[in-house]
Every structure is written in C-alpha cells, then in structure tokens.
Amino acid sequence: MSEILQDIQRKLVFPIDFVGQRTTHKIVNGALFVGSIAACLVGFFTQSVGNLLYCFLAAYFTCLLAVLPSYSKYNKNRPEWVHPKIGN
C-alpha cells in the first residue's frame, strides 16, 4: 500500500519556481476575489444561495485550472543554487 501512495505522490508533484509561486498567488487572489464578488451579486440578484454557491464553485474550479498544472510559464526562472567549495 505504501508503494502505491508514494507513486501517487510522485505523480502529483507540480514543481514551480519562486517567481511562478508569486504569479500563481496573485492569480489565485485576484480570481477568487472577483469570483466572490460575482457570486455575491448573482446570489443577491437571484435571491438564491444555490446560485451563489454554483457561481463561486465555477470561479474556484476555473482558478484551479489556471494555476494547478505546472505550466512552463511558471518554471522560467529556475534558481541557481550555490555549489559548496571543498577545501581551503
């Protein structure tokens, strides 16, 4: 069972660099803010909590599609790691 979980964990790793993390953070915050406002307006004008939830879920899953896969634009600025000097 442990091997199966480790295999799933390896397949679910989406590496991105630090600049990509900042970009996805901005996208998530903006998209969820706009989605929340839109969902509140839809729920208010239709007087339906169900419509509010459906609208917010649509915004949430759209946000996930925008940032969850490791797109190449999130990996453009790979960090250069310092190599240790051995000796004097």
PDB file of N, CA and C in Angstrom:
ATOM      1  N   MET A   1       0.819  -1.189   0.000  1.00  0.00           N
ATOM      2  CA  MET A   1       0.000   0.000   0.000  1.00  0.00           C
ATOM      3  C   MET A   1       0.866   1.256   0.000  1.00  0.00           C
ATOM      4  N   SER A   2       1.991   1.193   0.701  1.00  0.00           N
ATOM      5  CA  SER A   2       2.875   2.343   0.780  1.00  0.00           C
ATOM      6  C   SER A   2       3.462   2.698  -0.588  1.00  0.00           C
ATOM      7  N   GLU A   3       3.771   1.677  -1.387  1.00  0.00           N
ATOM      8  CA  GLU A   3       4.328   1.934  -2.716  1.00  0.00           C
ATOM      9  C   GLU A   3       3.319   2.650  -3.605  1.00  0.00           C
ATOM     10  N   ILE A   4       2.053   2.288  -3.466  1.00  0.00           N
ATOM     11  CA  ILE A   4       1.004   2.929  -4.263  1.00  0.00           C
ATOM     12  C   ILE A   4       0.889   4.392  -3.896  1.00  0.00           C
ATOM     13  N   LEU A   5       0.907   4.694  -2.590  1.00  0.00           N
ATOM     14  CA  LEU A   5       0.811   6.086  -2.148  1.00  0.00           C
ATOM     15  C   LEU A   5       2.027   6.895  -2.581  1.00  0.00           C
ATOM     16  N   GLN A   6       3.210   6.300  -2.537  1.00  0.00           N
ATOM     17  CA  GLN A   6       4.411   7.005  -2.982  1.00  0.00           C
ATOM     18  C   GLN A   6       4.369   7.267  -4.478  1.00  0.00           C
ATOM     19  N   ASP A   7       3.843   6.321  -5.257  1.00  0.00           N
ATOM     20  CA  ASP A   7       3.708   6.514  -6.695  1.00  0.00           C
ATOM     21  C   ASP A   7       2.732   7.648  -7.002  1.00  0.00           C
ATOM     22  N   ILE A   8       1.618   7.683  -6.286  1.00  0.00           N
ATOM     23  CA  ILE A   8       0.635   8.771  -6.475  1.00  0.00           C
ATOM     24  C   ILE A   8       1.252  10.105  -6.090  1.00  0.00           C
ATOM     25  N   GLN A   9       2.018  10.140  -4.995  1.00  0.00           N
ATOM     26  CA  GLN A   9       2.646  11.377  -4.551  1.00  0.00           C
ATOM     27  C   GLN A   9       3.645  11.889  -5.591  1.00  0.00           C
ATOM     28  N   ARG A  10       4.421  10.996  -6.199  1.00  0.00           N
ATOM     29  CA  ARG A  10       5.374  11.420  -7.237  1.00  0.00           C
ATOM     30  C   ARG A  10       4.658  12.005  -8.442  1.00  0.00           C
ATOM     31  N   LYS A  11       3.488  11.465  -8.790  1.00  0.00           N
ATOM     32  CA  LYS A  11       2.754  11.954  -9.951  1.00  0.00           C
ATOM     33  C   LYS A  11       2.023  13.260  -9.671  1.00  0.00           C
ATOM     34  N   LEU A  12       1.771  13.573  -8.413  1.00  0.00           N
ATOM     35  CA  LEU A  12       1.041  14.786  -8.066  1.00  0.00           C
ATOM     36  C   LEU A  12       1.937  15.967  -7.722  1.00  0.00           C
ATOM     37  N   VAL A  13       3.241  15.843  -7.897  1.00  0.00           N
ATOM     38  CA  VAL A  13       4.151  16.943  -7.612  1.00  0.00           C
ATOM     39  C   VAL A  13       4.181  17.859  -8.825  1.00  0.00           C
ATOM     40  N   PHE A  14       3.877  19.140  -8.596  1.00  0.00           N
ATOM     41  CA  PHE A  14       3.895  20.139  -9.656  1.00  0.00           C
ATOM     42  C   PHE A  14       4.935  21.195  -9.297  1.00  0.00           C
ATOM     43  N   PRO A  15       6.193  20.985  -9.678  1.00  0.00           N
ATOM     44  CA  PRO A  15       7.231  21.939  -9.268  1.00  0.00           C
ATOM     45  C   PRO A  15       7.137  23.256 -10.037  1.00  0.00           C
ATOM     46  N   ILE A  16       7.213  24.361  -9.298  1.00  0.00           N
ATOM     47  CA  ILE A  16       7.293  25.682  -9.912  1.00  0.00           C
ATOM     48  C   ILE A  16       8.356  26.475  -9.172  1.00  0.00           C
ATOM     49  N   ASP A  17       8.901  27.496  -9.828  1.00  0.00           N
ATOM     50  CA  ASP A  17       9.944  28.292  -9.193  1.00  0.00           C
ATOM     51  C   ASP A  17       9.321  29.384  -8.323  1.00  0.00           C
ATOM     52  N   PHE A  18      10.180  30.192  -7.693  1.00  0.00           N
ATOM     53  CA  PHE A  18       9.704  31.189  -6.745  1.00  0.00           C
ATOM     54  C   PHE A  18       8.908  32.303  -7.422  1.00  0.00           C
ATOM     55  N   VAL A  19       9.341  32.727  -8.596  1.00  0.00           N
ATOM     56  CA  VAL A  19       8.600  33.758  -9.333  1.00  0.00           C
ATOM     57  C   VAL A  19       7.252  33.206  -9.781  1.00  0.00           C
ATOM     58  N   GLY A  20       7.223  31.951 -10.174  1.00  0.00           N
ATOM     59  CA  GLY A  20       5.975  31.302 -10.546  1.00  0.00           C
ATOM     60  C   GLY A  20       5.023  31.185  -9.366  1.00  0.00           C
ATOM     61  N   GLN A  21       5.571  30.947  -8.173  1.00  0.00           N
ATOM     62  CA  GLN A  21       4.733  30.902  -6.980  1.00  0.00           C
ATOM     63  C   GLN A  21       4.091  32.261  -6.717  1.00  0.00           C
ATOM     64  N   ARG A  22       4.858  33.319  -6.883  1.00  0.00           N
ATOM     65  CA  ARG A  22       4.318  34.668  -6.684  1.00  0.00           C
ATOM     66  C   ARG A  22       3.233  34.960  -7.718  1.00  0.00           C
ATOM     67  N   THR A  23       3.460  34.544  -8.951  1.00  0.00           N
ATOM     68  CA  THR A  23       2.482  34.763 -10.016  1.00  0.00           C
ATOM     69  C   THR A  23       1.194  34.003  -9.743  1.00  0.00           C
ATOM     70  N   THR A  24       1.313  32.734  -9.368  1.00  0.00           N
ATOM     71  CA  THR A  24       0.108  31.953  -9.091  1.00  0.00           C
ATOM     72  C   THR A  24      -0.628  32.484  -7.870  1.00  0.00           C
ATOM     73  N   HIS A  25       0.109  32.997  -6.895  1.00  0.00           N
ATOM     74  CA  HIS A  25      -0.528  33.580  -5.715  1.00  0.00           C
ATOM     75  C   HIS A  25      -1.365  34.800  -6.104  1.00  0.00           C
ATOM     76  N   LYS A  26      -0.815  35.644  -6.965  1.00  0.00           N
ATOM     77  CA  LYS A  26      -1.567  36.816  -7.433  1.00  0.00           C
ATOM     78  C   LYS A  26      -2.791  36.407  -8.249  1.00  0.00           C
ATOM     79  N   ILE A  27      -2.632  35.406  -9.102  1.00  0.00           N
ATOM     80  CA  ILE A  27      -3.759  34.935  -9.920  1.00  0.00           C
ATOM     81  C   ILE A  27      -4.865  34.371  -9.038  1.00  0.00           C
ATOM     82  N   VAL A  28      -4.489  33.560  -8.057  1.00  0.00           N
ATOM     83  CA  VAL A  28      -5.483  32.955  -7.160  1.00  0.00           C
ATOM     84  C   VAL A  28      -6.216  34.027  -6.366  1.00  0.00           C
ATOM     85  N   ASN A  29      -5.464  34.967  -5.793  1.00  0.00           N
ATOM     86  CA  ASN A  29      -6.107  36.012  -5.002  1.00  0.00           C
ATOM     87  C   ASN A  29      -7.051  36.852  -5.852  1.00  0.00           C
ATOM     88  N   GLY A  30      -6.610  37.260  -7.019  1.00  0.00           N
ATOM     89  CA  GLY A  30      -7.461  38.072  -7.889  1.00  0.00           C
ATOM     90  C   GLY A  30      -8.680  37.328  -8.386  1.00  0.00           C
ATOM     91  N   ALA A  31      -8.476  36.091  -8.809  1.00  0.00           N
ATOM     92  CA  ALA A  31      -9.594  35.316  -9.353  1.00  0.00           C
ATOM     93  C   ALA A  31     -10.626  34.999  -8.282  1.00  0.00           C
ATOM     94  N   LEU A  32     -10.169  34.639  -7.092  1.00  0.00           N
ATOM     95  CA  LEU A  32     -11.129  34.340  -6.030  1.00  0.00           C
ATOM     96  C   LEU A  32     -11.833  35.597  -5.531  1.00  0.00           C
ATOM     97  N   PHE A  33     -11.147  36.729  -5.538  1.00  0.00           N
ATOM     98  CA  PHE A  33     -11.796  37.988  -5.150  1.00  0.00           C
ATOM     99  C   PHE A  33     -12.899  38.344  -6.145  1.00  0.00           C
ATOM    100  N   VAL A  34     -12.556  38.314  -7.425  1.00  0.00           N
ATOM    101  CA  VAL A  34     -13.546  38.633  -8.461  1.00  0.00           C
ATOM    102  C   VAL A  34     -14.668  37.593  -8.458  1.00  0.00           C
ATOM    103  N   GLY A  35     -14.327  36.324  -8.301  1.00  0.00           N
ATOM    104  CA  GLY A  35     -15.336  35.272  -8.250  1.00  0.00           C
ATOM    105  C   GLY A  35     -16.259  35.413  -7.056  1.00  0.00           C
ATOM    106  N   SER A  36     -15.712  35.826  -5.920  1.00  0.00           N
ATOM    107  CA  SER A  36     -16.539  36.020  -4.726  1.00  0.00           C
ATOM    108  C   SER A  36     -17.511  37.176  -4.908  1.00  0.00           C
ATOM    109  N   ILE A  37     -17.024  38.271  -5.472  1.00  0.00           N
ATOM    110  CA  ILE A  37     -17.894  39.431  -5.715  1.00  0.00           C
ATOM    111  C   ILE A  37     -18.991  39.052  -6.713  1.00  0.00           C
ATOM    112  N   ALA A  38     -18.600  38.366  -7.788  1.00  0.00           N
ATOM    113  CA  ALA A  38     -19.586  37.960  -8.792  1.00  0.00           C
ATOM    114  C   ALA A  38     -20.605  36.999  -8.198  1.00  0.00           C
ATOM    115  N   ALA A  39     -20.144  36.060  -7.377  1.00  0.00           N
ATOM    116  CA  ALA A  39     -21.062  35.101  -6.763  1.00  0.00           C
ATOM    117  C   ALA A  39     -22.037  35.804  -5.816  1.00  0.00           C
ATOM    118  N   CYS A  40     -21.544  36.764  -5.053  1.00  0.00           N
ATOM    119  CA  CYS A  40     -22.432  37.521  -4.156  1.00  0.00           C
ATOM    120  C   CYS A  40     -23.470  38.300  -4.952  1.00  0.00           C
ATOM    121  N   LEU A  41     -23.052  38.910  -6.046  1.00  0.00           N
ATOM    122  CA  LEU A  41     -24.002  39.670  -6.861  1.00  0.00           C
ATOM    123  C   LEU A  41     -25.041  38.748  -7.501  1.00  0.00           C
ATOM    124  N   VAL A  42     -24.592  37.612  -8.015  1.00  0.00           N
ATOM    125  CA  VAL A  42     -25.529  36.659  -8.609  1.00  0.00           C
ATOM    126  C   VAL A  42     -26.508  36.149  -7.556  1.00  0.00           C
ATOM    127  N   GLY A  43     -25.998  35.805  -6.391  1.00  0.00           N
ATOM    128  CA  GLY A  43     -26.865  35.332  -5.318  1.00  0.00           C
ATOM    129  C   GLY A  43     -27.832  36.392  -4.842  1.00  0.00           C
ATOM    130  N   PHE A  44     -27.380  37.640  -4.790  1.00  0.00           N
ATOM    131  CA  PHE A  44     -28.248  38.726  -4.340  1.00  0.00           C
ATOM    132  C   PHE A  44     -29.365  39.007  -5.341  1.00  0.00           C
ATOM    133  N   PHE A  45     -28.988  39.105  -6.619  1.00  0.00           N
ATOM    134  CA  PHE A  45     -29.994  39.454  -7.618  1.00  0.00           C
ATOM    135  C   PHE A  45     -30.968  38.312  -7.915  1.00  0.00           C
ATOM    136  N   THR A  46     -30.529  37.080  -7.756  1.00  0.00           N
ATOM    137  CA  THR A  46     -31.446  35.954  -7.975  1.00  0.00           C
ATOM    138  C   THR A  46     -32.113  35.499  -6.683  1.00  0.00           C
ATOM    139  N   GLN A  47     -31.651  36.046  -5.551  1.00  0.00           N
ATOM    140  CA  GLN A  47     -32.175  35.669  -4.232  1.00  0.00           C
ATOM    141  C   GLN A  47     -32.081  34.161  -4.015  1.00  0.00           C
ATOM    142  N   SER A  48     -30.922  33.617  -4.369  1.00  0.00           N
ATOM    143  CA  SER A  48     -30.730  32.176  -4.258  1.00  0.00           C
ATOM    144  C   SER A  48     -29.323  31.877  -3.747  1.00  0.00           C
ATOM    145  N   VAL A  49     -29.255  31.179  -2.632  1.00  0.00           N
ATOM    146  CA  VAL A  49     -27.962  30.765  -2.100  1.00  0.00           C
ATOM    147  C   VAL A  49     -27.356  29.677  -3.000  1.00  0.00           C
ATOM    148  N   GLY A  50     -28.192  28.886  -3.602  1.00  0.00           N
ATOM    149  CA  GLY A  50     -27.704  27.845  -4.513  1.00  0.00           C
ATOM    150  C   GLY A  50     -26.971  28.433  -5.709  1.00  0.00           C
ATOM    151  N   ASN A  51     -27.544  29.491  -6.297  1.00  0.00           N
ATOM    152  CA  ASN A  51     -26.861  30.150  -7.415  1.00  0.00           C
ATOM    153  C   ASN A  51     -25.552  30.777  -6.977  1.00  0.00           C
ATOM    154  N   LEU A  52     -25.533  31.320  -5.757  1.00  0.00           N
ATOM    155  CA  LEU A  52     -24.302  31.887  -5.220  1.00  0.00           C
ATOM    156  C   LEU A  52     -23.229  30.804  -5.128  1.00  0.00           C
ATOM    157  N   LEU A  53     -23.594  29.657  -4.585  1.00  0.00           N
ATOM    158  CA  LEU A  53     -22.619  28.570  -4.438  1.00  0.00           C
ATOM    159  C   LEU A  53     -22.153  28.032  -5.785  1.00  0.00           C
ATOM    160  N   TYR A  54     -23.076  27.872  -6.738  1.00  0.00           N
ATOM    161  CA  TYR A  54     -22.677  27.392  -8.066  1.00  0.00           C
ATOM    162  C   TYR A  54     -21.738  28.373  -8.754  1.00  0.00           C
ATOM    163  N   CYS A  55     -22.024  29.647  -8.617  1.00  0.00           N
ATOM    164  CA  CYS A  55     -21.166  30.664  -9.237  1.00  0.00           C
ATOM    165  C   CYS A  55     -19.782  30.664  -8.594  1.00  0.00           C
ATOM    166  N   PHE A  56     -19.737  30.550  -7.268  1.00  0.00           N
ATOM    167  CA  PHE A  56     -18.438  30.523  -6.597  1.00  0.00           C
ATOM    168  C   PHE A  56     -17.667  29.256  -6.945  1.00  0.00           C
ATOM    169  N   LEU A  57     -18.349  28.109  -7.011  1.00  0.00           N
ATOM    170  CA  LEU A  57     -17.667  26.870  -7.388  1.00  0.00           C
ATOM    171  C   LEU A  57     -17.115  26.936  -8.812  1.00  0.00           C
ATOM    172  N   ALA A  58     -17.849  27.579  -9.702  1.00  0.00           N
ATOM    173  CA  ALA A  58     -17.348  27.751 -11.072  1.00  0.00           C
ATOM    174  C   ALA A  58     -16.086  28.614 -11.066  1.00  0.00           C
ATOM    175  N   ALA A  59     -16.090  29.680 -10.280  1.00  0.00           N
ATOM    176  CA  ALA A  59     -14.901  30.531 -10.185  1.00  0.00           C
ATOM    177  C   ALA A  59     -13.742  29.775  -9.552  1.00  0.00           C
ATOM    178  N   TYR A  60     -14.029  28.975  -8.551  1.00  0.00           N
ATOM    179  CA  TYR A  60     -12.995  28.209  -7.855  1.00  0.00           C
ATOM    180  C   TYR A  60     -12.337  27.187  -8.789  1.00  0.00           C
ATOM    181  N   PHE A  61     -13.149  26.434  -9.524  1.00  0.00           N
ATOM    182  CA  PHE A  61     -12.577  25.426 -10.414  1.00  0.00           C
ATOM    183  C   PHE A  61     -11.868  26.055 -11.618  1.00  0.00           C
ATOM    184  N   THR A  62     -12.347  27.207 -12.065  1.00  0.00           N
ATOM    185  CA  THR A  62     -11.631  27.935 -13.109  1.00  0.00           C
ATOM    186  C   THR A  62     -10.271  28.381 -12.605  1.00  0.00           C
ATOM    187  N   CYS A  63     -10.232  28.826 -11.365  1.00  0.00           N
ATOM    188  CA  CYS A  63      -8.974  29.224 -10.740  1.00  0.00           C
ATOM    189  C   CYS A  63      -8.020  28.028 -10.629  1.00  0.00           C
ATOM    190  N   LEU A  64      -8.547  26.876 -10.250  1.00  0.00           N
ATOM    191  CA  LEU A  64      -7.717  25.673 -10.171  1.00  0.00           C
ATOM    192  C   LEU A  64      -7.131  25.299 -11.531  1.00  0.00           C
ATOM    193  N   LEU A  65      -7.940  25.396 -12.565  1.00  0.00           N
ATOM    194  CA  LEU A  65      -7.439  25.079 -13.915  1.00  0.00           C
ATOM    195  C   LEU A  65      -6.367  26.060 -14.361  1.00  0.00           C
ATOM    196  N   ALA A  66      -6.436  27.281 -13.865  1.00  0.00           N
ATOM    197  CA  ALA A  66      -5.463  28.292 -14.281  1.00  0.00           C
ATOM    198  C   ALA A  66      -4.112  28.116 -13.605  1.00  0.00           C
ATOM    199  N   VAL A  67      -4.078  27.596 -12.380  1.00  0.00           N
ATOM    200  CA  VAL A  67      -2.818  27.575 -11.650  1.00  0.00           C
ATOM    201  C   VAL A  67      -2.330  26.192 -11.227  1.00  0.00           C
ATOM    202  N   LEU A  68      -3.188  25.189 -11.202  1.00  0.00           N
ATOM    203  CA  LEU A  68      -2.765  23.903 -10.659  1.00  0.00           C
ATOM    204  C   LEU A  68      -1.761  23.158 -11.536  1.00  0.00           C
ATOM    205  N   PRO A  69      -1.961  23.028 -12.836  1.00  0.00           N
ATOM    206  CA  PRO A  69      -0.928  22.336 -13.620  1.00  0.00           C
ATOM    207  C   PRO A  69       0.373  23.138 -13.645  1.00  0.00           C
ATOM    208  N   SER A  70       1.454  22.436 -13.748  1.00  0.00           N
ATOM    209  CA  SER A  70       2.759  23.087 -13.780  1.00  0.00           C
ATOM    210  C   SER A  70       3.060  23.560 -15.202  1.00  0.00           C
ATOM    211  N   TYR A  71       2.436  24.673 -15.578  1.00  0.00           N
ATOM    212  CA  TYR A  71       2.667  25.227 -16.907  1.00  0.00           C
ATOM    213  C   TYR A  71       4.104  25.708 -17.027  1.00  0.00           C
ATOM    214  N   SER A  72       4.615  25.759 -18.249  1.00  0.00           N
ATOM    215  CA  SER A  72       6.010  26.149 -18.445  1.00  0.00           C
ATOM    216  C   SER A  72       6.262  27.602 -18.070  1.00  0.00           C
ATOM    217  N   LYS A  73       5.237  28.453 -18.105  1.00  0.00           N
ATOM    218  CA  LYS A  73       5.453  29.853 -17.730  1.00  0.00           C
ATOM    219  C   LYS A  73       5.744  30.004 -16.244  1.00  0.00           C
ATOM    220  N   TYR A  74       5.430  28.990 -15.431  1.00  0.00           N
ATOM    221  CA  TYR A  74       5.730  29.040 -14.008  1.00  0.00           C
ATOM    222  C   TYR A  74       7.118  28.495 -13.693  1.00  0.00           C
ATOM    223  N   ASN A  75       7.837  28.007 -14.689  1.00  0.00           N
ATOM    224  CA  ASN A  75       9.166  27.426 -14.486  1.00  0.00           C
ATOM    225  C   ASN A  75      10.257  28.142 -15.273  1.00  0.00           C
ATOM    226  N   LYS A  76      10.035  29.378 -15.662  1.00  0.00           N
ATOM    227  CA  LYS A  76      11.017  30.085 -16.484  1.00  0.00           C
ATOM    228  C   LYS A  76      12.223  30.574 -15.687  1.00  0.00           C
ATOM    229  N   ASN A  77      12.089  30.821 -14.420  1.00  0.00           N
ATOM    230  CA  ASN A  77      13.158  31.427 -13.612  1.00  0.00           C
ATOM    231  C   ASN A  77      13.674  30.446 -12.564  1.00  0.00           C
ATOM    232  N   ARG A  78      14.294  29.401 -13.034  1.00  0.00           N
ATOM    233  CA  ARG A  78      14.844  28.408 -12.119  1.00  0.00           C
ATOM    234  C   ARG A  78      15.967  29.043 -11.293  1.00  0.00           C
ATOM    235  N   PRO A  79      16.028  28.763  -9.986  1.00  0.00           N
ATOM    236  CA  PRO A  79      17.101  29.344  -9.160  1.00  0.00           C
ATOM    237  C   PRO A  79      18.435  28.660  -9.439  1.00  0.00           C
ATOM    238  N   GLU A  80      19.484  29.432  -9.365  1.00  0.00           N
ATOM    239  CA  GLU A  80      20.837  28.905  -9.494  1.00  0.00           C
ATOM    240  C   GLU A  80      21.356  28.650  -8.088  1.00  0.00           C
ATOM    241  N   TRP A  81      21.536  27.394  -7.752  1.00  0.00           N
ATOM    242  CA  TRP A  81      21.981  27.055  -6.415  1.00  0.00           C
ATOM    243  C   TRP A  81      23.494  27.207  -6.320  1.00  0.00           C
ATOM    244  N   VAL A  82      23.953  27.653  -5.176  1.00  0.00           N
ATOM    245  CA  VAL A  82      25.384  27.834  -4.945  1.00  0.00           C
ATOM    246  C   VAL A  82      25.990  26.483  -4.637  1.00  0.00           C
ATOM    247  N   HIS A  83      27.089  26.173  -5.325  1.00  0.00           N
ATOM    248  CA  HIS A  83      27.779  24.917  -5.094  1.00  0.00           C
ATOM    249  C   HIS A  83      28.803  25.124  -3.997  1.00  0.00           C
ATOM    250  N   PRO A  84      28.887  24.199  -3.051  1.00  0.00           N
ATOM    251  CA  PRO A  84      29.845  24.366  -1.949  1.00  0.00           C
ATOM    252  C   PRO A  84      31.288  24.207  -2.448  1.00  0.00           C
ATOM    253  N   LYS A  85      32.165  25.001  -1.852  1.00  0.00           N
ATOM    254  CA  LYS A  85      33.597  24.884  -2.168  1.00  0.00           C
ATOM    255  C   LYS A  85      34.216  23.928  -1.174  1.00  0.00           C
ATOM    256  N   ILE A  86      34.920  22.960  -1.694  1.00  0.00           N
ATOM    257  CA  ILE A  86      35.566  21.979  -0.833  1.00  0.00           C
ATOM    258  C   ILE A  86      37.046  22.318  -0.757  1.00  0.00           C
ATOM    259  N   GLY A  87      37.532  22.381   0.427  1.00  0.00           N
ATOM    260  CA  GLY A  87      38.951  22.703   0.624  1.00  0.00           C
ATOM    261  C   GLY A  87      39.118  24.103   1.202  1.00  0.00           C
ATOM    262  N   ASN A  88      40.348  24.603   1.175  1.00  0.00           N
ATOM    263  CA  ASN A  88      40.641  25.928   1.738  1.00  0.00           C
ATOM    264  C   ASN A  88      40.340  26.966   0.774  1.00  0.00           C
TER     265      ASN A  88
END
